Amino acid sequence: MENLALTAFFQGILGASSMALGALIAVAWQPGRKFLAAVMAFGSGTLMAAIALEIASSVYRSANVVVLVGGFLFGGVLFISLSKYIDEHGAFYVNPPLVVAMWWNTKFLNPMSWWTTLPIVR
């Protein structure tokens, strides 16, 4: 039991030290935007793959492969459809810097013109 606790302790220290190491690297080196975007995309893709694998294995054990493939297809179509719908109905205005830039560029022409360009979400 003592060996298990010691192993867990050192594995916890190793996992927590990655944050401190990352902070030290970030202080010494400022990565470019493309590199940072690539690292973040890789991390989010890895997380999504791990979650999908965990869900897929349990679905495959409890149902069959047809249910699994159908679920993935339905989820993909639903995600793409909702993303497209949100983009077409005002997702642009969720980004505050873009709204401020648009407001700043139009406020001198007509103070209320920017307000009328906001989409109505039904």
PDB file of N, CA and C in Angstrom:
ATOM      1  N   MET A   1       0.827  -1.198   0.000  1.00  0.00           N
ATOM      2  CA  MET A   1       0.000   0.000   0.000  1.00  0.00           C
ATOM      3  C   MET A   1       0.865   1.254   0.000  1.00  0.00           C
ATOM      4  N   GLU A   2       1.950   1.210   0.720  1.00  0.00           N
ATOM      5  CA  GLU A   2       2.840   2.363   0.801  1.00  0.00           C
ATOM      6  C   GLU A   2       3.455   2.663  -0.568  1.00  0.00           C
ATOM      7  N   ASN A   3       3.825   1.632  -1.306  1.00  0.00           N
ATOM      8  CA  ASN A   3       4.408   1.809  -2.619  1.00  0.00           C
ATOM      9  C   ASN A   3       3.396   2.428  -3.587  1.00  0.00           C
ATOM     10  N   LEU A   4       2.138   2.041  -3.492  1.00  0.00           N
ATOM     11  CA  LEU A   4       1.089   2.592  -4.346  1.00  0.00           C
ATOM     12  C   LEU A   4       0.877   4.080  -4.056  1.00  0.00           C
ATOM     13  N   ALA A   5       0.867   4.447  -2.792  1.00  0.00           N
ATOM     14  CA  ALA A   5       0.701   5.849  -2.415  1.00  0.00           C
ATOM     15  C   ALA A   5       1.879   6.687  -2.890  1.00  0.00           C
ATOM     16  N   LEU A   6       3.061   6.153  -2.762  1.00  0.00           N
ATOM     17  CA  LEU A   6       4.252   6.867  -3.206  1.00  0.00           C
ATOM     18  C   LEU A   6       4.253   7.032  -4.728  1.00  0.00           C
ATOM     19  N   THR A   7       3.856   6.010  -5.420  1.00  0.00           N
ATOM     20  CA  THR A   7       3.764   6.081  -6.885  1.00  0.00           C
ATOM     21  C   THR A   7       2.729   7.120  -7.301  1.00  0.00           C
ATOM     22  N   ALA A   8       1.582   7.140  -6.659  1.00  0.00           N
ATOM     23  CA  ALA A   8       0.544   8.116  -6.968  1.00  0.00           C
ATOM     24  C   ALA A   8       1.028   9.538  -6.681  1.00  0.00           C
ATOM     25  N   PHE A   9       1.757   9.706  -5.593  1.00  0.00           N
ATOM     26  CA  PHE A   9       2.287  11.021  -5.245  1.00  0.00           C
ATOM     27  C   PHE A   9       3.237  11.529  -6.329  1.00  0.00           C
ATOM     28  N   PHE A  10       4.177  10.692  -6.743  1.00  0.00           N
ATOM     29  CA  PHE A  10       5.145  11.122  -7.745  1.00  0.00           C
ATOM     30  C   PHE A  10       4.498  11.330  -9.116  1.00  0.00           C
ATOM     31  N   GLN A  11       3.503  10.547  -9.435  1.00  0.00           N
ATOM     32  CA  GLN A  11       2.800  10.776 -10.698  1.00  0.00           C
ATOM     33  C   GLN A  11       2.014  12.090 -10.650  1.00  0.00           C
ATOM     34  N   GLY A  12       1.468  12.424  -9.500  1.00  0.00           N
ATOM     35  CA  GLY A  12       0.791  13.710  -9.333  1.00  0.00           C
ATOM     36  C   GLY A  12       1.751  14.873  -9.451  1.00  0.00           C
ATOM     37  N   ILE A  13       2.927  14.727  -8.847  1.00  0.00           N
ATOM     38  CA  ILE A  13       3.952  15.773  -8.953  1.00  0.00           C
ATOM     39  C   ILE A  13       4.381  15.943 -10.409  1.00  0.00           C
ATOM     40  N   LEU A  14       4.569  14.845 -11.108  1.00  0.00           N
ATOM     41  CA  LEU A  14       4.975  14.902 -12.506  1.00  0.00           C
ATOM     42  C   LEU A  14       3.907  15.594 -13.353  1.00  0.00           C
ATOM     43  N   GLY A  15       2.640  15.262 -13.127  1.00  0.00           N
ATOM     44  CA  GLY A  15       1.558  15.892 -13.880  1.00  0.00           C
ATOM     45  C   GLY A  15       1.434  17.371 -13.566  1.00  0.00           C
ATOM     46  N   ALA A  16       1.581  17.750 -12.304  1.00  0.00           N
ATOM     47  CA  ALA A  16       1.459  19.150 -11.917  1.00  0.00           C
ATOM     48  C   ALA A  16       2.668  19.963 -12.368  1.00  0.00           C
ATOM     49  N   SER A  17       3.815  19.334 -12.477  1.00  0.00           N
ATOM     50  CA  SER A  17       5.018  20.074 -12.878  1.00  0.00           C
ATOM     51  C   SER A  17       4.946  20.520 -14.337  1.00  0.00           C
ATOM     52  N   SER A  18       4.113  19.880 -15.133  1.00  0.00           N
ATOM     53  CA  SER A  18       3.997  20.294 -16.538  1.00  0.00           C
ATOM     54  C   SER A  18       3.454  21.716 -16.646  1.00  0.00           C
ATOM     55  N   MET A  19       2.593  22.114 -15.721  1.00  0.00           N
ATOM     56  CA  MET A  19       2.067  23.474 -15.748  1.00  0.00           C
ATOM     57  C   MET A  19       3.165  24.484 -15.423  1.00  0.00           C
ATOM     58  N   ALA A  20       3.985  24.183 -14.417  1.00  0.00           N
ATOM     59  CA  ALA A  20       5.079  25.077 -14.066  1.00  0.00           C
ATOM     60  C   ALA A  20       6.110  25.144 -15.194  1.00  0.00           C
ATOM     61  N   LEU A  21       6.406  24.026 -15.804  1.00  0.00           N
ATOM     62  CA  LEU A  21       7.346  24.002 -16.920  1.00  0.00           C
ATOM     63  C   LEU A  21       6.797  24.802 -18.100  1.00  0.00           C
ATOM     64  N   GLY A  22       5.531  24.650 -18.384  1.00  0.00           N
ATOM     65  CA  GLY A  22       4.908  25.426 -19.459  1.00  0.00           C
ATOM     66  C   GLY A  22       4.932  26.921 -19.172  1.00  0.00           C
ATOM     67  N   ALA A  23       4.719  27.309 -17.917  1.00  0.00           N
ATOM     68  CA  ALA A  23       4.774  28.726 -17.550  1.00  0.00           C
ATOM     69  C   ALA A  23       6.186  29.281 -17.732  1.00  0.00           C
ATOM     70  N   LEU A  24       7.198  28.519 -17.343  1.00  0.00           N
ATOM     71  CA  LEU A  24       8.584  28.968 -17.532  1.00  0.00           C
ATOM     72  C   LEU A  24       8.929  29.114 -19.009  1.00  0.00           C
ATOM     73  N   ILE A  25       8.479  28.175 -19.810  1.00  0.00           N
ATOM     74  CA  ILE A  25       8.727  28.275 -21.254  1.00  0.00           C
ATOM     75  C   ILE A  25       8.016  29.499 -21.827  1.00  0.00           C
ATOM     76  N   ALA A  26       6.794  29.757 -21.383  1.00  0.00           N
ATOM     77  CA  ALA A  26       6.033  30.898 -21.891  1.00  0.00           C
ATOM     78  C   ALA A  26       6.671  32.224 -21.510  1.00  0.00           C
ATOM     79  N   VAL A  27       7.321  32.283 -20.353  1.00  0.00           N
ATOM     80  CA  VAL A  27       8.003  33.513 -19.948  1.00  0.00           C
ATOM     81  C   VAL A  27       9.236  33.747 -20.817  1.00  0.00           C
ATOM     82  N   ALA A  28       9.956  32.686 -21.126  1.00  0.00           N
ATOM     83  CA  ALA A  28      11.198  32.811 -21.878  1.00  0.00           C
ATOM     84  C   ALA A  28      10.969  32.925 -23.381  1.00  0.00           C
ATOM     85  N   TRP A  29       9.883  32.359 -23.900  1.00  0.00           N
ATOM     86  CA  TRP A  29       9.676  32.308 -25.344  1.00  0.00           C
ATOM     87  C   TRP A  29       8.218  32.593 -25.659  1.00  0.00           C
ATOM     88  N   GLN A  30       7.971  33.577 -26.487  1.00  0.00           N
ATOM     89  CA  GLN A  30       6.616  33.908 -26.910  1.00  0.00           C
ATOM     90  C   GLN A  30       6.365  33.291 -28.286  1.00  0.00           C
ATOM     91  N   PRO A  31       5.585  32.230 -28.366  1.00  0.00           N
ATOM     92  CA  PRO A  31       5.354  31.592 -29.664  1.00  0.00           C
ATOM     93  C   PRO A  31       4.508  32.482 -30.571  1.00  0.00           C
ATOM     94  N   GLY A  32       4.636  32.242 -31.861  1.00  0.00           N
ATOM     95  CA  GLY A  32       3.836  32.977 -32.837  1.00  0.00           C
ATOM     96  C   GLY A  32       2.381  32.529 -32.800  1.00  0.00           C
ATOM     97  N   ARG A  33       1.542  33.304 -33.423  1.00  0.00           N
ATOM     98  CA  ARG A  33       0.108  33.008 -33.414  1.00  0.00           C
ATOM     99  C   ARG A  33      -0.211  31.698 -34.117  1.00  0.00           C
ATOM    100  N   LYS A  34       0.473  31.421 -35.240  1.00  0.00           N
ATOM    101  CA  LYS A  34       0.197  30.183 -35.970  1.00  0.00           C
ATOM    102  C   LYS A  34       0.613  28.959 -35.164  1.00  0.00           C
ATOM    103  N   PHE A  35       1.761  29.048 -34.503  1.00  0.00           N
ATOM    104  CA  PHE A  35       2.215  27.930 -33.687  1.00  0.00           C
ATOM    105  C   PHE A  35       1.256  27.706 -32.518  1.00  0.00           C
ATOM    106  N   LEU A  36       0.855  28.787 -31.874  1.00  0.00           N
ATOM    107  CA  LEU A  36      -0.076  28.680 -30.753  1.00  0.00           C
ATOM    108  C   LEU A  36      -1.415  28.102 -31.206  1.00  0.00           C
ATOM    109  N   ALA A  37      -1.900  28.537 -32.357  1.00  0.00           N
ATOM    110  CA  ALA A  37      -3.158  27.998 -32.888  1.00  0.00           C
ATOM    111  C   ALA A  37      -3.022  26.516 -33.204  1.00  0.00           C
ATOM    112  N   ALA A  38      -1.871  26.112 -33.746  1.00  0.00           N
ATOM    113  CA  ALA A  38      -1.662  24.694 -34.065  1.00  0.00           C
ATOM    114  C   ALA A  38      -1.627  23.846 -32.807  1.00  0.00           C
ATOM    115  N   VAL A  39      -0.962  24.326 -31.764  1.00  0.00           N
ATOM    116  CA  VAL A  39      -0.894  23.574 -30.505  1.00  0.00           C
ATOM    117  C   VAL A  39      -2.274  23.469 -29.869  1.00  0.00           C
ATOM    118  N   MET A  40      -3.035  24.558 -29.890  1.00  0.00           N
ATOM    119  CA  MET A  40      -4.376  24.527 -29.311  1.00  0.00           C
ATOM    120  C   MET A  40      -5.300  23.616 -30.115  1.00  0.00           C
ATOM    121  N   ALA A  41      -5.181  23.638 -31.447  1.00  0.00           N
ATOM    122  CA  ALA A  41      -6.007  22.759 -32.275  1.00  0.00           C
ATOM    123  C   ALA A  41      -5.665  21.297 -32.026  1.00  0.00           C
ATOM    124  N   PHE A  42      -4.367  21.008 -31.889  1.00  0.00           N
ATOM    125  CA  PHE A  42      -3.957  19.638 -31.600  1.00  0.00           C
ATOM    126  C   PHE A  42      -4.499  19.189 -30.247  1.00  0.00           C
ATOM    127  N   GLY A  43      -4.402  20.035 -29.249  1.00  0.00           N
ATOM    128  CA  GLY A  43      -4.895  19.685 -27.913  1.00  0.00           C
ATOM    129  C   GLY A  43      -6.400  19.466 -27.885  1.00  0.00           C
ATOM    130  N   SER A  44      -7.141  20.344 -28.562  1.00  0.00           N
ATOM    131  CA  SER A  44      -8.599  20.167 -28.562  1.00  0.00           C
ATOM    132  C   SER A  44      -9.002  18.941 -29.365  1.00  0.00           C
ATOM    133  N   GLY A  45      -8.290  18.670 -30.453  1.00  0.00           N
ATOM    134  CA  GLY A  45      -8.576  17.468 -31.235  1.00  0.00           C
ATOM    135  C   GLY A  45      -8.284  16.197 -30.461  1.00  0.00           C
ATOM    136  N   THR A  46      -7.188  16.220 -29.710  1.00  0.00           N
ATOM    137  CA  THR A  46      -6.837  15.066 -28.878  1.00  0.00           C
ATOM    138  C   THR A  46      -7.888  14.837 -27.797  1.00  0.00           C
ATOM    139  N   LEU A  47      -8.333  15.916 -27.172  1.00  0.00           N
ATOM    140  CA  LEU A  47      -9.367  15.791 -26.140  1.00  0.00           C
ATOM    141  C   LEU A  47     -10.668  15.256 -26.735  1.00  0.00           C
ATOM    142  N   MET A  48     -11.055  15.766 -27.881  1.00  0.00           N
ATOM    143  CA  MET A  48     -12.292  15.282 -28.518  1.00  0.00           C
ATOM    144  C   MET A  48     -12.165  13.818 -28.926  1.00  0.00           C
ATOM    145  N   ALA A  49     -10.984  13.423 -29.404  1.00  0.00           N
ATOM    146  CA  ALA A  49     -10.779  12.024 -29.791  1.00  0.00           C
ATOM    147  C   ALA A  49     -10.852  11.107 -28.575  1.00  0.00           C
ATOM    148  N   ALA A  50     -10.277  11.543 -27.456  1.00  0.00           N
ATOM    149  CA  ALA A  50     -10.322  10.727 -26.242  1.00  0.00           C
ATOM    150  C   ALA A  50     -11.756  10.566 -25.740  1.00  0.00           C
ATOM    151  N   ILE A  51     -12.505  11.639 -25.768  1.00  0.00           N
ATOM    152  CA  ILE A  51     -13.902  11.564 -25.326  1.00  0.00           C
ATOM    153  C   ILE A  51     -14.714  10.687 -26.278  1.00  0.00           C
ATOM    154  N   ALA A  52     -14.505  10.865 -27.580  1.00  0.00           N
ATOM    155  CA  ALA A  52     -15.230  10.050 -28.558  1.00  0.00           C
ATOM    156  C   ALA A  52     -14.895   8.576 -28.409  1.00  0.00           C
ATOM    157  N   LEU A  53     -13.628   8.275 -28.159  1.00  0.00           N
ATOM    158  CA  LEU A  53     -13.234   6.882 -27.977  1.00  0.00           C
ATOM    159  C   LEU A  53     -13.881   6.287 -26.730  1.00  0.00           C
ATOM    160  N   GLU A  54     -13.931   7.066 -25.673  1.00  0.00           N
ATOM    161  CA  GLU A  54     -14.558   6.582 -24.430  1.00  0.00           C
ATOM    162  C   GLU A  54     -16.046   6.325 -24.639  1.00  0.00           C
ATOM    163  N   ILE A  55     -16.711   7.248 -25.309  1.00  0.00           N
ATOM    164  CA  ILE A  55     -18.144   7.078 -25.567  1.00  0.00           C
ATOM    165  C   ILE A  55     -18.376   5.950 -26.559  1.00  0.00           C
ATOM    166  N   ALA A  56     -17.549   5.898 -27.609  1.00  0.00           N
ATOM    167  CA  ALA A  56     -17.738   4.889 -28.653  1.00  0.00           C
ATOM    168  C   ALA A  56     -17.566   3.480 -28.120  1.00  0.00           C
ATOM    169  N   SER A  57     -16.609   3.274 -27.233  1.00  0.00           N
ATOM    170  CA  SER A  57     -16.399   1.921 -26.717  1.00  0.00           C
ATOM    171  C   SER A  57     -17.589   1.451 -25.882  1.00  0.00           C
ATOM    172  N   SER A  58     -18.161   2.346 -25.089  1.00  0.00           N
ATOM    173  CA  SER A  58     -19.320   1.934 -24.287  1.00  0.00           C
ATOM    174  C   SER A  58     -20.547   1.697 -25.159  1.00  0.00           C
ATOM    175  N   VAL A  59     -20.728   2.523 -26.198  1.00  0.00           N
ATOM    176  CA  VAL A  59     -21.869   2.319 -27.108  1.00  0.00           C
ATOM    177  C   VAL A  59     -21.686   1.019 -27.886  1.00  0.00           C
ATOM    178  N   TYR A  60     -20.463   0.752 -28.333  1.00  0.00           N
ATOM    179  CA  TYR A  60     -20.200  -0.462 -29.096  1.00  0.00           C
ATOM    180  C   TYR A  60     -20.460  -1.713 -28.256  1.00  0.00           C
ATOM    181  N   ARG A  61     -20.122  -1.652 -26.954  1.00  0.00           N
ATOM    182  CA  ARG A  61     -20.368  -2.802 -26.073  1.00  0.00           C
ATOM    183  C   ARG A  61     -21.857  -2.996 -25.806  1.00  0.00           C
ATOM    184  N   SER A  62     -22.604  -1.903 -25.671  1.00  0.00           N
ATOM    185  CA  SER A  62     -24.016  -2.030 -25.314  1.00  0.00           C
ATOM    186  C   SER A  62     -24.940  -2.154 -26.529  1.00  0.00           C
ATOM    187  N   ALA A  63     -24.519  -1.661 -27.668  1.00  0.00           N
ATOM    188  CA  ALA A  63     -25.368  -1.745 -28.870  1.00  0.00           C
ATOM    189  C   ALA A  63     -24.580  -2.457 -29.974  1.00  0.00           C
ATOM    190  N   ASN A  64     -24.660  -1.951 -31.171  1.00  0.00           N
ATOM    191  CA  ASN A  64     -23.889  -2.533 -32.265  1.00  0.00           C
ATOM    192  C   ASN A  64     -23.250  -1.421 -33.087  1.00  0.00           C
ATOM    193  N   VAL A  65     -22.528  -1.813 -34.114  1.00  0.00           N
ATOM    194  CA  VAL A  65     -21.777  -0.845 -34.903  1.00  0.00           C
ATOM    195  C   VAL A  65     -22.696   0.076 -35.704  1.00  0.00           C
ATOM    196  N   VAL A  66     -23.878  -0.375 -36.064  1.00  0.00           N
ATOM    197  CA  VAL A  66     -24.818   0.468 -36.813  1.00  0.00           C
ATOM    198  C   VAL A  66     -25.267   1.651 -35.959  1.00  0.00           C
ATOM    199  N   VAL A  67     -25.563   1.409 -34.699  1.00  0.00           N
ATOM    200  CA  VAL A  67     -25.954   2.485 -33.780  1.00  0.00           C
ATOM    201  C   VAL A  67     -24.793   3.453 -33.593  1.00  0.00           C
ATOM    202  N   LEU A  68     -23.593   2.938 -33.483  1.00  0.00           N
ATOM    203  CA  LEU A  68     -22.410   3.767 -33.300  1.00  0.00           C
ATOM    204  C   LEU A  68     -22.177   4.680 -34.498  1.00  0.00           C
ATOM    205  N   VAL A  69     -22.182   4.125 -35.693  1.00  0.00           N
ATOM    206  CA  VAL A  69     -21.969   4.924 -36.906  1.00  0.00           C
ATOM    207  C   VAL A  69     -23.117   5.914 -37.094  1.00  0.00           C
ATOM    208  N   GLY A  70     -24.335   5.478 -36.835  1.00  0.00           N
ATOM    209  CA  GLY A  70     -25.479   6.382 -36.935  1.00  0.00           C
ATOM    210  C   GLY A  70     -25.374   7.548 -35.976  1.00  0.00           C
ATOM    211  N   GLY A  71     -24.928   7.283 -34.764  1.00  0.00           N
ATOM    212  CA  GLY A  71     -24.750   8.353 -33.791  1.00  0.00           C
ATOM    213  C   GLY A  71     -23.690   9.352 -34.213  1.00  0.00           C
ATOM    214  N   PHE A  72     -22.568   8.839 -34.737  1.00  0.00           N
ATOM    215  CA  PHE A  72     -21.522   9.742 -35.218  1.00  0.00           C
ATOM    216  C   PHE A  72     -22.011  10.589 -36.391  1.00  0.00           C
ATOM    217  N   LEU A  73     -22.718   9.981 -37.329  1.00  0.00           N
ATOM    218  CA  LEU A  73     -23.228  10.724 -38.482  1.00  0.00           C
ATOM    219  C   LEU A  73     -24.258  11.769 -38.050  1.00  0.00           C
ATOM    220  N   PHE A  74     -25.163  11.375 -37.170  1.00  0.00           N
ATOM    221  CA  PHE A  74     -26.174  12.319 -36.685  1.00  0.00           C
ATOM    222  C   PHE A  74     -25.513  13.477 -35.946  1.00  0.00           C
ATOM    223  N   GLY A  75     -24.547  13.178 -35.087  1.00  0.00           N
ATOM    224  CA  GLY A  75     -23.849  14.230 -34.355  1.00  0.00           C
ATOM    225  C   GLY A  75     -23.084  15.166 -35.270  1.00  0.00           C
ATOM    226  N   GLY A  76     -22.439  14.619 -36.296  1.00  0.00           N
ATOM    227  CA  GLY A  76     -21.715  15.463 -37.245  1.00  0.00           C
ATOM    228  C   GLY A  76     -22.632  16.380 -38.028  1.00  0.00           C
ATOM    229  N   VAL A  77     -23.735  15.829 -38.516  1.00  0.00           N
ATOM    230  CA  VAL A  77     -24.700  16.640 -39.269  1.00  0.00           C
ATOM    231  C   VAL A  77     -25.320  17.700 -38.362  1.00  0.00           C
ATOM    232  N   LEU A  78     -25.654  17.345 -37.143  1.00  0.00           N
ATOM    233  CA  LEU A  78     -26.232  18.301 -36.197  1.00  0.00           C
ATOM    234  C   LEU A  78     -25.242  19.419 -35.885  1.00  0.00           C
ATOM    235  N   PHE A  79     -23.982  19.079 -35.649  1.00  0.00           N
ATOM    236  CA  PHE A  79     -22.965  20.083 -35.344  1.00  0.00           C
ATOM    237  C   PHE A  79     -22.776  21.046 -36.508  1.00  0.00           C
ATOM    238  N   ILE A  80     -22.648  20.523 -37.714  1.00  0.00           N
ATOM    239  CA  ILE A  80     -22.444  21.374 -38.889  1.00  0.00           C
ATOM    240  C   ILE A  80     -23.667  22.254 -39.130  1.00  0.00           C
ATOM    241  N   SER A  81     -24.860  21.694 -38.982  1.00  0.00           N
ATOM    242  CA  SER A  81     -26.087  22.467 -39.203  1.00  0.00           C
ATOM    243  C   SER A  81     -26.226  23.590 -38.188  1.00  0.00           C
ATOM    244  N   LEU A  82     -26.010  23.283 -36.916  1.00  0.00           N
ATOM    245  CA  LEU A  82     -26.126  24.324 -35.889  1.00  0.00           C
ATOM    246  C   LEU A  82     -25.042  25.384 -36.039  1.00  0.00           C
ATOM    247  N   SER A  83     -23.838  24.971 -36.393  1.00  0.00           N
ATOM    248  CA  SER A  83     -22.753  25.931 -36.595  1.00  0.00           C
ATOM    249  C   SER A  83     -23.070  26.873 -37.742  1.00  0.00           C
ATOM    250  N   LYS A  84     -23.591  26.345 -38.825  1.00  0.00           N
ATOM    251  CA  LYS A  84     -23.971  27.174 -39.970  1.00  0.00           C
ATOM    252  C   LYS A  84     -25.113  28.118 -39.602  1.00  0.00           C
ATOM    253  N   TYR A  85     -26.099  27.616 -38.871  1.00  0.00           N
ATOM    254  CA  TYR A  85     -27.222  28.447 -38.451  1.00  0.00           C
ATOM    255  C   TYR A  85     -26.754  29.604 -37.567  1.00  0.00           C
ATOM    256  N   ILE A  86     -25.882  29.301 -36.618  1.00  0.00           N
ATOM    257  CA  ILE A  86     -25.379  30.340 -35.713  1.00  0.00           C
ATOM    258  C   ILE A  86     -24.553  31.364 -36.480  1.00  0.00           C
ATOM    259  N   ASP A  87     -23.740  30.915 -37.417  1.00  0.00           N
ATOM    260  CA  ASP A  87     -22.936  31.846 -38.216  1.00  0.00           C
ATOM    261  C   ASP A  87     -23.811  32.774 -39.045  1.00  0.00           C
ATOM    262  N   GLU A  88     -24.915  32.253 -39.550  1.00  0.00           N
ATOM    263  CA  GLU A  88     -25.795  33.063 -40.377  1.00  0.00           C
ATOM    264  C   GLU A  88     -26.697  33.990 -39.572  1.00  0.00           C
ATOM    265  N   HIS A  89     -26.818  33.762 -38.270  1.00  0.00           N
ATOM    266  CA  HIS A  89     -27.739  34.551 -37.462  1.00  0.00           C
ATOM    267  C   HIS A  89     -27.054  35.297 -36.330  1.00  0.00           C
ATOM    268  N   GLY A  90     -25.855  35.806 -36.574  1.00  0.00           N
ATOM    269  CA  GLY A  90     -25.281  36.735 -35.627  1.00  0.00           C
ATOM    270  C   GLY A  90     -24.094  36.271 -34.837  1.00  0.00           C
ATOM    271  N   ALA A  91     -23.454  35.181 -35.187  1.00  0.00           N
ATOM    272  CA  ALA A  91     -22.264  34.766 -34.443  1.00  0.00           C
ATOM    273  C   ALA A  91     -21.152  35.789 -34.576  1.00  0.00           C
ATOM    274  N   PHE A  92     -21.172  36.563 -35.671  1.00  0.00           N
ATOM    275  CA  PHE A  92     -20.169  37.604 -35.878  1.00  0.00           C
ATOM    276  C   PHE A  92     -20.210  38.612 -34.745  1.00  0.00           C
ATOM    277  N   TYR A  93     -21.390  38.899 -34.230  1.00  0.00           N
ATOM    278  CA  TYR A  93     -21.544  39.940 -33.224  1.00  0.00           C
ATOM    279  C   TYR A  93     -21.215  39.478 -31.812  1.00  0.00           C
ATOM    280  N   VAL A  94     -20.860  38.220 -31.659  1.00  0.00           N
ATOM    281  CA  VAL A  94     -20.485  37.717 -30.340  1.00  0.00           C
ATOM    282  C   VAL A  94     -19.061  38.151 -30.003  1.00  0.00           C
ATOM    283  N   ASN A  95     -18.263  38.442 -31.021  1.00  0.00           N
ATOM    284  CA  ASN A  95     -16.879  38.837 -30.827  1.00  0.00           C
ATOM    285  C   ASN A  95     -16.831  40.335 -30.514  1.00  0.00           C
ATOM    286  N   PRO A  96     -16.625  40.727 -29.249  1.00  0.00           N
ATOM    287  CA  PRO A  96     -16.681  42.146 -28.871  1.00  0.00           C
ATOM    288  C   PRO A  96     -15.742  43.059 -29.653  1.00  0.00           C
ATOM    289  N   PRO A  97     -14.485  42.678 -29.944  1.00  0.00           N
ATOM    290  CA  PRO A  97     -13.640  43.610 -30.703  1.00  0.00           C
ATOM    291  C   PRO A  97     -14.201  43.920 -32.089  1.00  0.00           C
ATOM    292  N   LEU A  98     -14.833  42.942 -32.733  1.00  0.00           N
ATOM    293  CA  LEU A  98     -15.412  43.198 -34.043  1.00  0.00           C
ATOM    294  C   LEU A  98     -16.618  44.122 -33.948  1.00  0.00           C
ATOM    295  N   VAL A  99     -17.406  43.973 -32.903  1.00  0.00           N
ATOM    296  CA  VAL A  99     -18.565  44.842 -32.718  1.00  0.00           C
ATOM    297  C   VAL A  99     -18.096  46.269 -32.453  1.00  0.00           C
ATOM    298  N   VAL A 100     -17.068  46.420 -31.626  1.00  0.00           N
ATOM    299  CA  VAL A 100     -16.542  47.762 -31.323  1.00  0.00           C
ATOM    300  C   VAL A 100     -15.966  48.399 -32.582  1.00  0.00           C
ATOM    301  N   ALA A 101     -15.222  47.612 -33.377  1.00  0.00           N
ATOM    302  CA  ALA A 101     -14.657  48.156 -34.612  1.00  0.00           C
ATOM    303  C   ALA A 101     -15.756  48.579 -35.564  1.00  0.00           C
ATOM    304  N   MET A 102     -16.815  47.773 -35.681  1.00  0.00           N
ATOM    305  CA  MET A 102     -17.916  48.124 -36.568  1.00  0.00           C
ATOM    306  C   MET A 102     -18.620  49.377 -36.043  1.00  0.00           C
ATOM    307  N   TRP A 103     -18.826  49.445 -34.740  1.00  0.00           N
ATOM    308  CA  TRP A 103     -19.481  50.612 -34.153  1.00  0.00           C
ATOM    309  C   TRP A 103     -18.636  51.863 -34.361  1.00  0.00           C
ATOM    310  N   TRP A 104     -17.335  51.743 -34.155  1.00  0.00           N
ATOM    311  CA  TRP A 104     -16.436  52.880 -34.289  1.00  0.00           C
ATOM    312  C   TRP A 104     -16.430  53.401 -35.734  1.00  0.00           C
ATOM    313  N   ASN A 105     -16.481  52.498 -36.701  1.00  0.00           N
ATOM    314  CA  ASN A 105     -16.449  52.904 -38.108  1.00  0.00           C
ATOM    315  C   ASN A 105     -17.764  53.505 -38.581  1.00  0.00           C
ATOM    316  N   THR A 106     -18.871  53.205 -37.922  1.00  0.00           N
ATOM    317  CA  THR A 106     -20.167  53.695 -38.399  1.00  0.00           C
ATOM    318  C   THR A 106     -20.793  54.759 -37.515  1.00  0.00           C
ATOM    319  N   LYS A 107     -20.263  54.997 -36.330  1.00  0.00           N
ATOM    320  CA  LYS A 107     -20.946  55.913 -35.410  1.00  0.00           C
ATOM    321  C   LYS A 107     -20.922  57.359 -35.898  1.00  0.00           C
ATOM    322  N   PHE A 108     -19.924  57.722 -36.679  1.00  0.00           N
ATOM    323  CA  PHE A 108     -19.865  59.089 -37.151  1.00  0.00           C
ATOM    324  C   PHE A 108     -20.820  59.337 -38.323  1.00  0.00           C
ATOM    325  N   LEU A 109     -21.159  58.276 -39.051  1.00  0.00           N
ATOM    326  CA  LEU A 109     -22.095  58.424 -40.163  1.00  0.00           C
ATOM    327  C   LEU A 109     -23.525  58.550 -39.656  1.00  0.00           C
ATOM    328  N   ASN A 110     -23.903  57.610 -38.811  1.00  0.00           N
ATOM    329  CA  ASN A 110     -25.240  57.603 -38.241  1.00  0.00           C
ATOM    330  C   ASN A 110     -25.138  56.887 -36.899  1.00  0.00           C
ATOM    331  N   PRO A 111     -25.375  57.578 -35.807  1.00  0.00           N
ATOM    332  CA  PRO A 111     -25.164  56.963 -34.496  1.00  0.00           C
ATOM    333  C   PRO A 111     -25.956  55.685 -34.250  1.00  0.00           C
ATOM    334  N   MET A 112     -27.094  55.513 -34.903  1.00  0.00           N
ATOM    335  CA  MET A 112     -27.898  54.315 -34.663  1.00  0.00           C
ATOM    336  C   MET A 112     -27.772  53.295 -35.789  1.00  0.00           C
ATOM    337  N   SER A 113     -26.933  53.542 -36.794  1.00  0.00           N
ATOM    338  CA  SER A 113     -26.862  52.623 -37.930  1.00  0.00           C
ATOM    339  C   SER A 113     -26.300  51.268 -37.542  1.00  0.00           C
ATOM    340  N   TRP A 114     -25.379  51.221 -36.597  1.00  0.00           N
ATOM    341  CA  TRP A 114     -24.803  49.939 -36.201  1.00  0.00           C
ATOM    342  C   TRP A 114     -25.843  49.080 -35.507  1.00  0.00           C
ATOM    343  N   TRP A 115     -26.777  49.709 -34.804  1.00  0.00           N
ATOM    344  CA  TRP A 115     -27.793  48.961 -34.061  1.00  0.00           C
ATOM    345  C   TRP A 115     -28.758  48.262 -35.016  1.00  0.00           C
ATOM    346  N   THR A 116     -29.043  48.898 -36.137  1.00  0.00           N
ATOM    347  CA  THR A 116     -29.988  48.300 -37.077  1.00  0.00           C
ATOM    348  C   THR A 116     -29.370  47.149 -37.865  1.00  0.00           C
ATOM    349  N   THR A 117     -28.041  47.028 -37.849  1.00  0.00           N
ATOM    350  CA  THR A 117     -27.410  45.940 -38.571  1.00  0.00           C
ATOM    351  C   THR A 117     -27.356  44.653 -37.756  1.00  0.00           C
ATOM    352  N   LEU A 118     -27.681  44.703 -36.476  1.00  0.00           N
ATOM    353  CA  LEU A 118     -27.687  43.501 -35.661  1.00  0.00           C
ATOM    354  C   LEU A 118     -28.808  42.579 -36.115  1.00  0.00           C
ATOM    355  N   PRO A 119     -28.534  41.304 -36.266  1.00  0.00           N
ATOM    356  CA  PRO A 119     -29.583  40.391 -36.722  1.00  0.00           C
ATOM    357  C   PRO A 119     -30.589  40.114 -35.625  1.00  0.00           C
ATOM    358  N   ILE A 120     -31.767  39.794 -36.031  1.00  0.00           N
ATOM    359  CA  ILE A 120     -32.815  39.408 -35.091  1.00  0.00           C
ATOM    360  C   ILE A 120     -32.812  37.889 -35.025  1.00  0.00           C
ATOM    361  N   VAL A 121     -32.518  37.352 -33.842  1.00  0.00           N
ATOM    362  CA  VAL A 121     -32.506  35.908 -33.664  1.00  0.00           C
ATOM    363  C   VAL A 121     -33.896  35.480 -33.240  1.00  0.00           C
ATOM    364  N   ARG A 122     -34.460  34.602 -33.999  1.00  0.00           N
ATOM    365  CA  ARG A 122     -35.828  34.157 -33.700  1.00  0.00           C
ATOM    366  C   ARG A 122     -35.805  32.821 -33.051  1.00  0.00           C
TER     367      ARG A 122
END
